[in-house]
All heavy atoms as atom14 arrays in JSON, in Angstrom:
{
  "sequence": "AKPLDINIPYRETGYFAADKAGGTALRFTVKRGKKISIAITKKPANIN",
  "atom14_mask": [
    [1, 1, 1, 1, 1, 0, 0, 0, 0, 0, 0, 0, 0, 0],
    [1, 1, 1, 1, 1, 1, 1, 1, 1, 0, 0, 0, 0, 0],
    [1, 1, 1, 1, 1, 1, 1, 0, 0, 0, 0, 0, 0, 0],
    [1, 1, 1, 1, 1, 1, 1, 1, 0, 0, 0, 0, 0, 0],
    [1, 1, 1, 1, 1, 1, 1, 1, 0, 0, 0, 0, 0, 0],
    [1, 1, 1, 1, 1, 1, 1, 1, 0, 0, 0, 0, 0, 0],
    [1, 1, 1, 1, 1, 1, 1, 1, 0, 0, 0, 0, 0, 0],
    [1, 1, 1, 1, 1, 1, 1, 1, 0, 0, 0, 0, 0, 0],
    [1, 1, 1, 1, 1, 1, 1, 0, 0, 0, 0, 0, 0, 0],
    [1, 1, 1, 1, 1, 1, 1, 1, 1, 1, 1, 1, 0, 0],
    [1, 1, 1, 1, 1, 1, 1, 1, 1, 1, 1, 0, 0, 0],
    [1, 1, 1, 1, 1, 1, 1, 1, 1, 0, 0, 0, 0, 0],
    [1, 1, 1, 1, 1, 1, 1, 0, 0, 0, 0, 0, 0, 0],
    [1, 1, 1, 1, 0, 0, 0, 0, 0, 0, 0, 0, 0, 0],
    [1, 1, 1, 1, 1, 1, 1, 1, 1, 1, 1, 1, 0, 0],
    [1, 1, 1, 1, 1, 1, 1, 1, 1, 1, 1, 0, 0, 0],
    [1, 1, 1, 1, 1, 0, 0, 0, 0, 0, 0, 0, 0, 0],
    [1, 1, 1, 1, 1, 0, 0, 0, 0, 0, 0, 0, 0, 0],
    [1, 1, 1, 1, 1, 1, 1, 1, 0, 0, 0, 0, 0, 0],
    [1, 1, 1, 1, 1, 1, 1, 1, 1, 0, 0, 0, 0, 0],
    [1, 1, 1, 1, 1, 0, 0, 0, 0, 0, 0, 0, 0, 0],
    [1, 1, 1, 1, 0, 0, 0, 0, 0, 0, 0, 0, 0, 0],
    [1, 1, 1, 1, 0, 0, 0, 0, 0, 0, 0, 0, 0, 0],
    [1, 1, 1, 1, 1, 1, 1, 0, 0, 0, 0, 0, 0, 0],
    [1, 1, 1, 1, 1, 0, 0, 0, 0, 0, 0, 0, 0, 0],
    [1, 1, 1, 1, 1, 1, 1, 1, 0, 0, 0, 0, 0, 0],
    [1, 1, 1, 1, 1, 1, 1, 1, 1, 1, 1, 0, 0, 0],
    [1, 1, 1, 1, 1, 1, 1, 1, 1, 1, 1, 0, 0, 0],
    [1, 1, 1, 1, 1, 1, 1, 0, 0, 0, 0, 0, 0, 0],
    [1, 1, 1, 1, 1, 1, 1, 0, 0, 0, 0, 0, 0, 0],
    [1, 1, 1, 1, 1, 1, 1, 1, 1, 0, 0, 0, 0, 0],
    [1, 1, 1, 1, 1, 1, 1, 1, 1, 1, 1, 0, 0, 0],
    [1, 1, 1, 1, 0, 0, 0, 0, 0, 0, 0, 0, 0, 0],
    [1, 1, 1, 1, 1, 1, 1, 1, 1, 0, 0, 0, 0, 0],
    [1, 1, 1, 1, 1, 1, 1, 1, 1, 0, 0, 0, 0, 0],
    [1, 1, 1, 1, 1, 1, 1, 1, 0, 0, 0, 0, 0, 0],
    [1, 1, 1, 1, 1, 1, 0, 0, 0, 0, 0, 0, 0, 0],
    [1, 1, 1, 1, 1, 1, 1, 1, 0, 0, 0, 0, 0, 0],
    [1, 1, 1, 1, 1, 0, 0, 0, 0, 0, 0, 0, 0, 0],
    [1, 1, 1, 1, 1, 1, 1, 1, 0, 0, 0, 0, 0, 0],
    [1, 1, 1, 1, 1, 1, 1, 0, 0, 0, 0, 0, 0, 0],
    [1, 1, 1, 1, 1, 1, 1, 1, 1, 0, 0, 0, 0, 0],
    [1, 1, 1, 1, 1, 1, 1, 1, 1, 0, 0, 0, 0, 0],
    [1, 1, 1, 1, 1, 1, 1, 0, 0, 0, 0, 0, 0, 0],
    [1, 1, 1, 1, 1, 0, 0, 0, 0, 0, 0, 0, 0, 0],
    [1, 1, 1, 1, 1, 1, 1, 1, 0, 0, 0, 0, 0, 0],
    [1, 1, 1, 1, 1, 1, 1, 1, 0, 0, 0, 0, 0, 0],
    [1, 1, 1, 1, 1, 1, 1, 1, 0, 0, 0, 0, 0, 0]
  ],
  "atom14_positions": [
    [[106.65, 95.38, 79.51], [107.75, 96.28, 79.28], [108.7, 96.4, 80.49], [109.87, 96.78, 80.31], [107.25, 97.68, 78.88], [0.0, 0.0, 0.0], [0.0, 0.0, 0.0], [0.0, 0.0, 0.0], [0.0, 0.0, 0.0], [0.0, 0.0, 0.0], [0.0, 0.0, 0.0], [0.0, 0.0, 0.0], [0.0, 0.0, 0.0], [0.0, 0.0, 0.0]],
    [[108.1, 96.14, 81.74], [108.94, 96.25, 82.85], [108.75, 95.01, 83.79], [108.16, 95.1, 84.92], [108.49, 97.55, 83.66], [108.84, 98.83, 82.94], [108.5, 100.03, 83.74], [108.79, 101.3, 83.1], [108.43, 102.52, 83.83], [0.0, 0.0, 0.0], [0.0, 0.0, 0.0], [0.0, 0.0, 0.0], [0.0, 0.0, 0.0], [0.0, 0.0, 0.0]],
    [[109.29, 93.87, 83.35], [109.1, 92.65, 84.14], [110.11, 92.63, 85.32], [111.11, 93.3, 85.32], [109.45, 91.51, 83.16], [110.39, 92.21, 82.25], [109.98, 93.62, 82.09], [0.0, 0.0, 0.0], [0.0, 0.0, 0.0], [0.0, 0.0, 0.0], [0.0, 0.0, 0.0], [0.0, 0.0, 0.0], [0.0, 0.0, 0.0], [0.0, 0.0, 0.0]],
    [[109.69, 91.79, 86.35], [110.62, 91.5, 87.44], [111.37, 90.19, 87.02], [110.85, 89.41, 86.19], [109.84, 91.34, 88.74], [109.21, 92.55, 89.27], [108.29, 92.2, 90.41], [110.26, 93.58, 89.66], [0.0, 0.0, 0.0], [0.0, 0.0, 0.0], [0.0, 0.0, 0.0], [0.0, 0.0, 0.0], [0.0, 0.0, 0.0], [0.0, 0.0, 0.0]],
    [[112.49, 89.98, 87.69], [113.26, 88.74, 87.38], [113.13, 87.7, 88.48], [113.03, 88.02, 89.68], [114.77, 89.12, 87.28], [115.11, 89.96, 86.0], [114.56, 89.61, 84.98], [115.8, 90.9, 86.15], [0.0, 0.0, 0.0], [0.0, 0.0, 0.0], [0.0, 0.0, 0.0], [0.0, 0.0, 0.0], [0.0, 0.0, 0.0], [0.0, 0.0, 0.0]],
    [[113.02, 86.39, 88.02], [112.95, 85.34, 89.07], [113.83, 84.24, 88.54], [114.28, 84.23, 87.36], [111.5, 84.81, 89.15], [110.99, 84.19, 87.83], [110.59, 85.87, 89.68], [109.71, 83.39, 87.92], [0.0, 0.0, 0.0], [0.0, 0.0, 0.0], [0.0, 0.0, 0.0], [0.0, 0.0, 0.0], [0.0, 0.0, 0.0], [0.0, 0.0, 0.0]],
    [[114.18, 83.31, 89.44], [114.85, 82.1, 89.09], [113.89, 80.89, 89.32], [113.18, 80.84, 90.27], [116.14, 81.87, 89.97], [117.16, 82.93, 89.74], [117.45, 83.28, 88.57], [117.77, 83.42, 90.78], [0.0, 0.0, 0.0], [0.0, 0.0, 0.0], [0.0, 0.0, 0.0], [0.0, 0.0, 0.0], [0.0, 0.0, 0.0], [0.0, 0.0, 0.0]],
    [[113.94, 79.99, 88.33], [113.13, 78.72, 88.52], [113.89, 77.71, 89.36], [115.09, 77.56, 89.13], [112.8, 78.2, 87.13], [111.95, 79.11, 86.29], [112.07, 76.86, 87.16], [111.7, 78.65, 84.92], [0.0, 0.0, 0.0], [0.0, 0.0, 0.0], [0.0, 0.0, 0.0], [0.0, 0.0, 0.0], [0.0, 0.0, 0.0], [0.0, 0.0, 0.0]],
    [[113.31, 77.07, 90.28], [111.82, 77.05, 90.57], [111.38, 78.26, 91.42], [112.2, 78.85, 92.11], [111.66, 75.77, 91.4], [113.01, 75.6, 92.11], [114.08, 76.08, 91.18], [0.0, 0.0, 0.0], [0.0, 0.0, 0.0], [0.0, 0.0, 0.0], [0.0, 0.0, 0.0], [0.0, 0.0, 0.0], [0.0, 0.0, 0.0], [0.0, 0.0, 0.0]],
    [[110.19, 78.67, 91.21], [109.65, 79.94, 91.85], [108.2, 79.6, 92.25], [107.42, 78.97, 91.64], [109.72, 81.03, 90.83], [109.16, 82.28, 91.36], [109.91, 83.15, 92.22], [107.86, 82.78, 90.98], [109.42, 84.31, 92.66], [107.37, 83.96, 91.44], [108.11, 84.74, 92.25], [107.65, 85.92, 92.71], [0.0, 0.0, 0.0], [0.0, 0.0, 0.0]],
    [[107.89, 80.24, 93.43], [106.52, 80.22, 93.87], [106.15, 81.56, 94.53], [106.95, 82.1, 95.31], [106.29, 79.08, 94.89], [104.83, 79.04, 95.42], [104.66, 77.84, 96.34], [104.64, 76.56, 95.55], [105.32, 75.48, 95.83], [106.13, 75.51, 96.9], [105.2, 74.39, 95.11], [0.0, 0.0, 0.0], [0.0, 0.0, 0.0], [0.0, 0.0, 0.0]],
    [[104.94, 82.04, 94.17], [104.53, 83.26, 94.88], [103.01, 83.12, 95.15], [102.24, 82.5, 94.4], [104.8, 84.53, 94.13], [103.85, 84.76, 92.94], [104.09, 86.15, 92.31], [105.24, 86.65, 92.3], [103.05, 86.72, 91.7], [0.0, 0.0, 0.0], [0.0, 0.0, 0.0], [0.0, 0.0, 0.0], [0.0, 0.0, 0.0], [0.0, 0.0, 0.0]],
    [[102.58, 83.76, 96.31], [101.17, 83.91, 96.57], [100.79, 85.36, 96.5], [101.54, 86.13, 97.21], [100.85, 83.23, 97.9], [101.05, 81.88, 97.86], [99.37, 83.49, 98.31], [0.0, 0.0, 0.0], [0.0, 0.0, 0.0], [0.0, 0.0, 0.0], [0.0, 0.0, 0.0], [0.0, 0.0, 0.0], [0.0, 0.0, 0.0], [0.0, 0.0, 0.0]],
    [[99.8, 85.68, 95.72], [99.47, 87.1, 95.62], [98.04, 87.39, 95.65], [97.22, 86.37, 95.89], [0.0, 0.0, 0.0], [0.0, 0.0, 0.0], [0.0, 0.0, 0.0], [0.0, 0.0, 0.0], [0.0, 0.0, 0.0], [0.0, 0.0, 0.0], [0.0, 0.0, 0.0], [0.0, 0.0, 0.0], [0.0, 0.0, 0.0], [0.0, 0.0, 0.0]],
    [[97.63, 88.61, 95.56], [96.27, 88.97, 95.65], [95.9, 90.07, 94.59], [96.71, 90.97, 94.39], [95.95, 89.6, 97.02], [94.46, 89.86, 97.33], [93.65, 88.86, 97.85], [93.92, 91.1, 97.02], [92.33, 89.09, 98.04], [92.59, 91.32, 97.25], [91.77, 90.31, 97.81], [90.45, 90.58, 98.06], [0.0, 0.0, 0.0], [0.0, 0.0, 0.0]],
    [[94.81, 89.86, 93.85], [94.3, 90.82, 92.93], [93.05, 91.4, 93.55], [92.12, 90.67, 93.93], [94.02, 90.19, 91.58], [95.25, 89.84, 90.81], [95.42, 88.49, 90.36], [96.24, 90.71, 90.43], [96.57, 88.08, 89.65], [97.33, 90.33, 89.77], [97.52, 89.03, 89.37], [0.0, 0.0, 0.0], [0.0, 0.0, 0.0], [0.0, 0.0, 0.0]],
    [[92.9, 92.74, 93.55], [91.77, 93.41, 94.16], [90.76, 93.84, 93.05], [91.28, 94.27, 91.99], [92.25, 94.64, 94.98], [0.0, 0.0, 0.0], [0.0, 0.0, 0.0], [0.0, 0.0, 0.0], [0.0, 0.0, 0.0], [0.0, 0.0, 0.0], [0.0, 0.0, 0.0], [0.0, 0.0, 0.0], [0.0, 0.0, 0.0], [0.0, 0.0, 0.0]],
    [[89.54, 93.78, 93.37], [88.44, 94.08, 92.42], [88.52, 95.58, 91.91], [88.1, 95.86, 90.83], [87.12, 93.81, 92.97], [0.0, 0.0, 0.0], [0.0, 0.0, 0.0], [0.0, 0.0, 0.0], [0.0, 0.0, 0.0], [0.0, 0.0, 0.0], [0.0, 0.0, 0.0], [0.0, 0.0, 0.0], [0.0, 0.0, 0.0], [0.0, 0.0, 0.0]],
    [[88.97, 96.47, 92.81], [88.9, 97.87, 92.48], [90.09, 98.34, 91.75], [90.3, 99.57, 91.52], [88.7, 98.72, 93.78], [89.82, 98.51, 94.79], [90.55, 97.5, 94.61], [89.93, 99.3, 95.72], [0.0, 0.0, 0.0], [0.0, 0.0, 0.0], [0.0, 0.0, 0.0], [0.0, 0.0, 0.0], [0.0, 0.0, 0.0], [0.0, 0.0, 0.0]],
    [[91.01, 97.38, 91.32], [92.24, 97.81, 90.59], [92.4, 96.89, 89.38], [92.02, 95.73, 89.44], [93.43, 97.64, 91.5], [93.37, 98.5, 92.75], [94.58, 98.16, 93.7], [94.48, 98.91, 94.98], [95.58, 98.54, 95.89], [0.0, 0.0, 0.0], [0.0, 0.0, 0.0], [0.0, 0.0, 0.0], [0.0, 0.0, 0.0], [0.0, 0.0, 0.0]],
    [[92.9, 97.49, 88.32], [93.16, 96.65, 87.16], [94.62, 96.21, 87.32], [95.56, 96.93, 87.09], [93.12, 97.47, 85.86], [0.0, 0.0, 0.0], [0.0, 0.0, 0.0], [0.0, 0.0, 0.0], [0.0, 0.0, 0.0], [0.0, 0.0, 0.0], [0.0, 0.0, 0.0], [0.0, 0.0, 0.0], [0.0, 0.0, 0.0], [0.0, 0.0, 0.0]],
    [[94.77, 94.92, 87.79], [96.08, 94.43, 88.16], [96.77, 93.61, 87.13], [96.15, 93.3, 86.09], [0.0, 0.0, 0.0], [0.0, 0.0, 0.0], [0.0, 0.0, 0.0], [0.0, 0.0, 0.0], [0.0, 0.0, 0.0], [0.0, 0.0, 0.0], [0.0, 0.0, 0.0], [0.0, 0.0, 0.0], [0.0, 0.0, 0.0], [0.0, 0.0, 0.0]],
    [[97.95, 93.26, 87.43], [98.77, 92.37, 86.5], [100.17, 92.35, 86.94], [100.7, 93.22, 87.63], [0.0, 0.0, 0.0], [0.0, 0.0, 0.0], [0.0, 0.0, 0.0], [0.0, 0.0, 0.0], [0.0, 0.0, 0.0], [0.0, 0.0, 0.0], [0.0, 0.0, 0.0], [0.0, 0.0, 0.0], [0.0, 0.0, 0.0], [0.0, 0.0, 0.0]],
    [[100.88, 91.28, 86.49], [102.32, 91.23, 86.84], [103.07, 90.42, 85.68], [102.38, 89.65, 84.91], [102.49, 90.45, 88.16], [103.92, 90.54, 88.57], [102.09, 89.0, 88.06], [0.0, 0.0, 0.0], [0.0, 0.0, 0.0], [0.0, 0.0, 0.0], [0.0, 0.0, 0.0], [0.0, 0.0, 0.0], [0.0, 0.0, 0.0], [0.0, 0.0, 0.0]],
    [[104.3, 90.64, 85.53], [105.11, 89.93, 84.52], [106.39, 89.52, 85.18], [107.13, 90.3, 85.88], [105.42, 90.77, 83.36], [0.0, 0.0, 0.0], [0.0, 0.0, 0.0], [0.0, 0.0, 0.0], [0.0, 0.0, 0.0], [0.0, 0.0, 0.0], [0.0, 0.0, 0.0], [0.0, 0.0, 0.0], [0.0, 0.0, 0.0], [0.0, 0.0, 0.0]],
    [[106.84, 88.27, 84.98], [108.0, 87.62, 85.52], [108.93, 87.11, 84.48], [108.49, 86.45, 83.53], [107.68, 86.56, 86.51], [106.69, 86.94, 87.67], [106.22, 85.67, 88.36], [107.38, 87.89, 88.59], [0.0, 0.0, 0.0], [0.0, 0.0, 0.0], [0.0, 0.0, 0.0], [0.0, 0.0, 0.0], [0.0, 0.0, 0.0], [0.0, 0.0, 0.0]],
    [[110.22, 87.42, 84.52], [111.15, 87.07, 83.44], [112.18, 86.07, 84.05], [112.59, 86.2, 85.15], [111.85, 88.32, 82.97], [112.94, 88.06, 81.89], [113.45, 89.39, 81.33], [113.95, 90.21, 82.46], [114.2, 91.5, 82.4], [113.95, 92.09, 81.21], [114.68, 92.25, 83.36], [0.0, 0.0, 0.0], [0.0, 0.0, 0.0], [0.0, 0.0, 0.0]],
    [[112.48, 85.08, 83.22], [113.44, 84.01, 83.7], [114.11, 83.41, 82.51], [113.67, 83.56, 81.39], [112.69, 82.91, 84.45], [111.47, 82.38, 83.8], [111.55, 81.31, 82.95], [110.17, 82.95, 84.01], [110.49, 80.84, 82.33], [109.1, 82.45, 83.43], [109.19, 81.36, 82.53], [0.0, 0.0, 0.0], [0.0, 0.0, 0.0], [0.0, 0.0, 0.0]],
    [[115.22, 82.7, 82.73], [115.97, 82.03, 81.67], [115.85, 80.53, 81.82], [115.74, 79.99, 82.94], [117.47, 82.43, 81.75], [118.01, 82.03, 82.99], [117.67, 83.94, 81.56], [0.0, 0.0, 0.0], [0.0, 0.0, 0.0], [0.0, 0.0, 0.0], [0.0, 0.0, 0.0], [0.0, 0.0, 0.0], [0.0, 0.0, 0.0], [0.0, 0.0, 0.0]],
    [[115.83, 79.87, 80.63], [115.63, 78.44, 80.6], [116.47, 77.84, 79.5], [116.63, 78.53, 78.45], [114.17, 78.02, 80.38], [113.91, 76.53, 80.77], [113.18, 78.88, 81.13], [0.0, 0.0, 0.0], [0.0, 0.0, 0.0], [0.0, 0.0, 0.0], [0.0, 0.0, 0.0], [0.0, 0.0, 0.0], [0.0, 0.0, 0.0], [0.0, 0.0, 0.0]],
    [[116.95, 76.64, 79.71], [117.75, 76.01, 78.66], [116.85, 75.18, 77.71], [115.79, 74.69, 78.08], [118.74, 75.02, 79.31], [119.96, 75.68, 79.99], [120.9, 74.6, 80.48], [122.2, 75.29, 81.02], [122.98, 75.81, 79.95], [0.0, 0.0, 0.0], [0.0, 0.0, 0.0], [0.0, 0.0, 0.0], [0.0, 0.0, 0.0], [0.0, 0.0, 0.0]],
    [[117.27, 75.07, 76.49], [116.59, 74.25, 75.49], [116.53, 72.85, 76.02], [117.47, 72.24, 76.62], [117.33, 74.28, 74.16], [116.63, 73.41, 73.07], [117.29, 73.49, 71.79], [116.49, 72.69, 70.81], [116.81, 72.48, 69.57], [117.95, 73.05, 69.04], [116.08, 71.78, 68.8], [0.0, 0.0, 0.0], [0.0, 0.0, 0.0], [0.0, 0.0, 0.0]],
    [[115.4, 72.19, 75.81], [115.21, 70.83, 76.24], [114.4, 70.7, 77.58], [113.94, 69.64, 77.82], [0.0, 0.0, 0.0], [0.0, 0.0, 0.0], [0.0, 0.0, 0.0], [0.0, 0.0, 0.0], [0.0, 0.0, 0.0], [0.0, 0.0, 0.0], [0.0, 0.0, 0.0], [0.0, 0.0, 0.0], [0.0, 0.0, 0.0], [0.0, 0.0, 0.0]],
    [[114.32, 71.8, 78.27], [113.53, 71.81, 79.54], [112.06, 71.93, 79.16], [111.69, 72.53, 78.12], [113.95, 72.93, 80.4], [115.3, 72.8, 81.15], [115.25, 71.7, 82.09], [116.52, 71.55, 82.96], [116.52, 70.47, 83.98], [0.0, 0.0, 0.0], [0.0, 0.0, 0.0], [0.0, 0.0, 0.0], [0.0, 0.0, 0.0], [0.0, 0.0, 0.0]],
    [[111.25, 71.38, 80.04], [109.79, 71.61, 79.93], [109.29, 72.5, 81.07], [109.5, 72.09, 82.24], [109.03, 70.32, 79.91], [107.53, 70.45, 79.78], [106.76, 69.15, 79.86], [106.87, 68.4, 78.57], [106.07, 67.13, 78.58], [0.0, 0.0, 0.0], [0.0, 0.0, 0.0], [0.0, 0.0, 0.0], [0.0, 0.0, 0.0], [0.0, 0.0, 0.0]],
    [[108.82, 73.6, 80.81], [108.34, 74.51, 81.85], [106.94, 74.15, 82.27], [106.1, 73.8, 81.41], [108.31, 75.97, 81.32], [109.71, 76.46, 80.83], [107.78, 76.95, 82.41], [109.61, 77.77, 80.09], [0.0, 0.0, 0.0], [0.0, 0.0, 0.0], [0.0, 0.0, 0.0], [0.0, 0.0, 0.0], [0.0, 0.0, 0.0], [0.0, 0.0, 0.0]],
    [[106.7, 74.08, 83.53], [105.42, 73.75, 84.05], [104.88, 74.97, 84.93], [105.63, 75.39, 85.84], [105.35, 72.49, 84.93], [104.09, 72.24, 85.42], [0.0, 0.0, 0.0], [0.0, 0.0, 0.0], [0.0, 0.0, 0.0], [0.0, 0.0, 0.0], [0.0, 0.0, 0.0], [0.0, 0.0, 0.0], [0.0, 0.0, 0.0], [0.0, 0.0, 0.0]],
    [[103.76, 75.56, 84.57], [103.25, 76.74, 85.31], [101.86, 76.36, 85.88], [100.93, 76.09, 85.11], [103.1, 77.91, 84.38], [104.56, 78.29, 83.8], [102.45, 79.13, 85.03], [104.5, 79.24, 82.66], [0.0, 0.0, 0.0], [0.0, 0.0, 0.0], [0.0, 0.0, 0.0], [0.0, 0.0, 0.0], [0.0, 0.0, 0.0], [0.0, 0.0, 0.0]],
    [[101.77, 76.36, 87.22], [100.52, 75.99, 87.82], [99.97, 77.2, 88.62], [100.72, 77.85, 89.25], [100.61, 74.79, 88.69], [0.0, 0.0, 0.0], [0.0, 0.0, 0.0], [0.0, 0.0, 0.0], [0.0, 0.0, 0.0], [0.0, 0.0, 0.0], [0.0, 0.0, 0.0], [0.0, 0.0, 0.0], [0.0, 0.0, 0.0], [0.0, 0.0, 0.0]],
    [[98.64, 77.4, 88.56], [98.02, 78.5, 89.31], [96.84, 77.95, 90.1], [95.96, 77.4, 89.5], [97.59, 79.62, 88.42], [98.73, 80.12, 87.58], [96.94, 80.7, 89.18], [98.29, 81.07, 86.43], [0.0, 0.0, 0.0], [0.0, 0.0, 0.0], [0.0, 0.0, 0.0], [0.0, 0.0, 0.0], [0.0, 0.0, 0.0], [0.0, 0.0, 0.0]],
    [[96.85, 78.14, 91.41], [95.67, 77.8, 92.19], [95.04, 79.1, 92.64], [95.77, 80.08, 92.91], [96.04, 76.97, 93.49], [97.01, 77.66, 94.23], [96.62, 75.62, 93.01], [0.0, 0.0, 0.0], [0.0, 0.0, 0.0], [0.0, 0.0, 0.0], [0.0, 0.0, 0.0], [0.0, 0.0, 0.0], [0.0, 0.0, 0.0], [0.0, 0.0, 0.0]],
    [[93.71, 79.11, 92.78], [93.04, 80.37, 93.0], [92.05, 80.23, 94.09], [91.42, 79.18, 94.32], [92.26, 80.81, 91.67], [93.2, 81.02, 90.52], [92.45, 81.12, 89.2], [91.79, 79.9, 88.78], [91.1, 79.99, 87.43], [0.0, 0.0, 0.0], [0.0, 0.0, 0.0], [0.0, 0.0, 0.0], [0.0, 0.0, 0.0], [0.0, 0.0, 0.0]],
    [[91.82, 81.34, 94.85], [90.8, 81.39, 95.86], [90.0, 82.71, 95.67], [90.56, 83.78, 95.82], [91.35, 81.51, 97.33], [92.08, 80.17, 97.7], [92.64, 80.33, 99.09], [93.47, 79.18, 99.48], [94.0, 79.36, 100.86], [0.0, 0.0, 0.0], [0.0, 0.0, 0.0], [0.0, 0.0, 0.0], [0.0, 0.0, 0.0], [0.0, 0.0, 0.0]],
    [[88.75, 82.7, 95.2], [87.92, 81.54, 94.97], [88.36, 80.85, 93.58], [89.0, 81.47, 92.81], [86.49, 82.1, 94.78], [86.76, 83.45, 94.37], [88.03, 83.92, 95.03], [0.0, 0.0, 0.0], [0.0, 0.0, 0.0], [0.0, 0.0, 0.0], [0.0, 0.0, 0.0], [0.0, 0.0, 0.0], [0.0, 0.0, 0.0], [0.0, 0.0, 0.0]],
    [[88.0, 79.62, 93.4], [88.5, 78.82, 92.27], [87.94, 79.27, 90.99], [88.52, 78.96, 89.9], [88.2, 77.38, 92.51], [0.0, 0.0, 0.0], [0.0, 0.0, 0.0], [0.0, 0.0, 0.0], [0.0, 0.0, 0.0], [0.0, 0.0, 0.0], [0.0, 0.0, 0.0], [0.0, 0.0, 0.0], [0.0, 0.0, 0.0], [0.0, 0.0, 0.0]],
    [[86.83, 79.96, 90.98], [86.12, 80.36, 89.7], [86.56, 81.63, 89.1], [86.0, 81.98, 88.13], [84.64, 80.3, 89.93], [84.15, 81.4, 90.93], [84.94, 81.95, 91.62], [82.88, 81.66, 90.95], [0.0, 0.0, 0.0], [0.0, 0.0, 0.0], [0.0, 0.0, 0.0], [0.0, 0.0, 0.0], [0.0, 0.0, 0.0], [0.0, 0.0, 0.0]],
    [[87.53, 82.36, 89.65], [87.98, 83.55, 89.07], [88.93, 83.25, 87.9], [89.53, 82.21, 87.84], [88.68, 84.5, 90.07], [90.02, 83.81, 90.56], [87.83, 84.84, 91.18], [90.87, 84.75, 91.45], [0.0, 0.0, 0.0], [0.0, 0.0, 0.0], [0.0, 0.0, 0.0], [0.0, 0.0, 0.0], [0.0, 0.0, 0.0], [0.0, 0.0, 0.0]],
    [[88.93, 84.13, 86.88], [89.82, 83.97, 85.72], [91.06, 84.83, 85.89], [91.03, 86.02, 86.01], [89.11, 84.36, 84.43], [88.11, 83.3, 84.04], [88.28, 82.13, 84.26], [86.99, 83.77, 83.36], [0.0, 0.0, 0.0], [0.0, 0.0, 0.0], [0.0, 0.0, 0.0], [0.0, 0.0, 0.0], [0.0, 0.0, 0.0], [0.0, 0.0, 0.0]]
  ]
}
């Protein structure tokens, strides 16, 4: 309901803490015909 705005290409490094129920939403515009690629690397790698 309250996303932040970004422009593609975009990269961020963030942190989710165990003692908080976290989350984020990012809004952007794209033209028809583009293929969006979204990659996430994690530390540790086994978190969901």
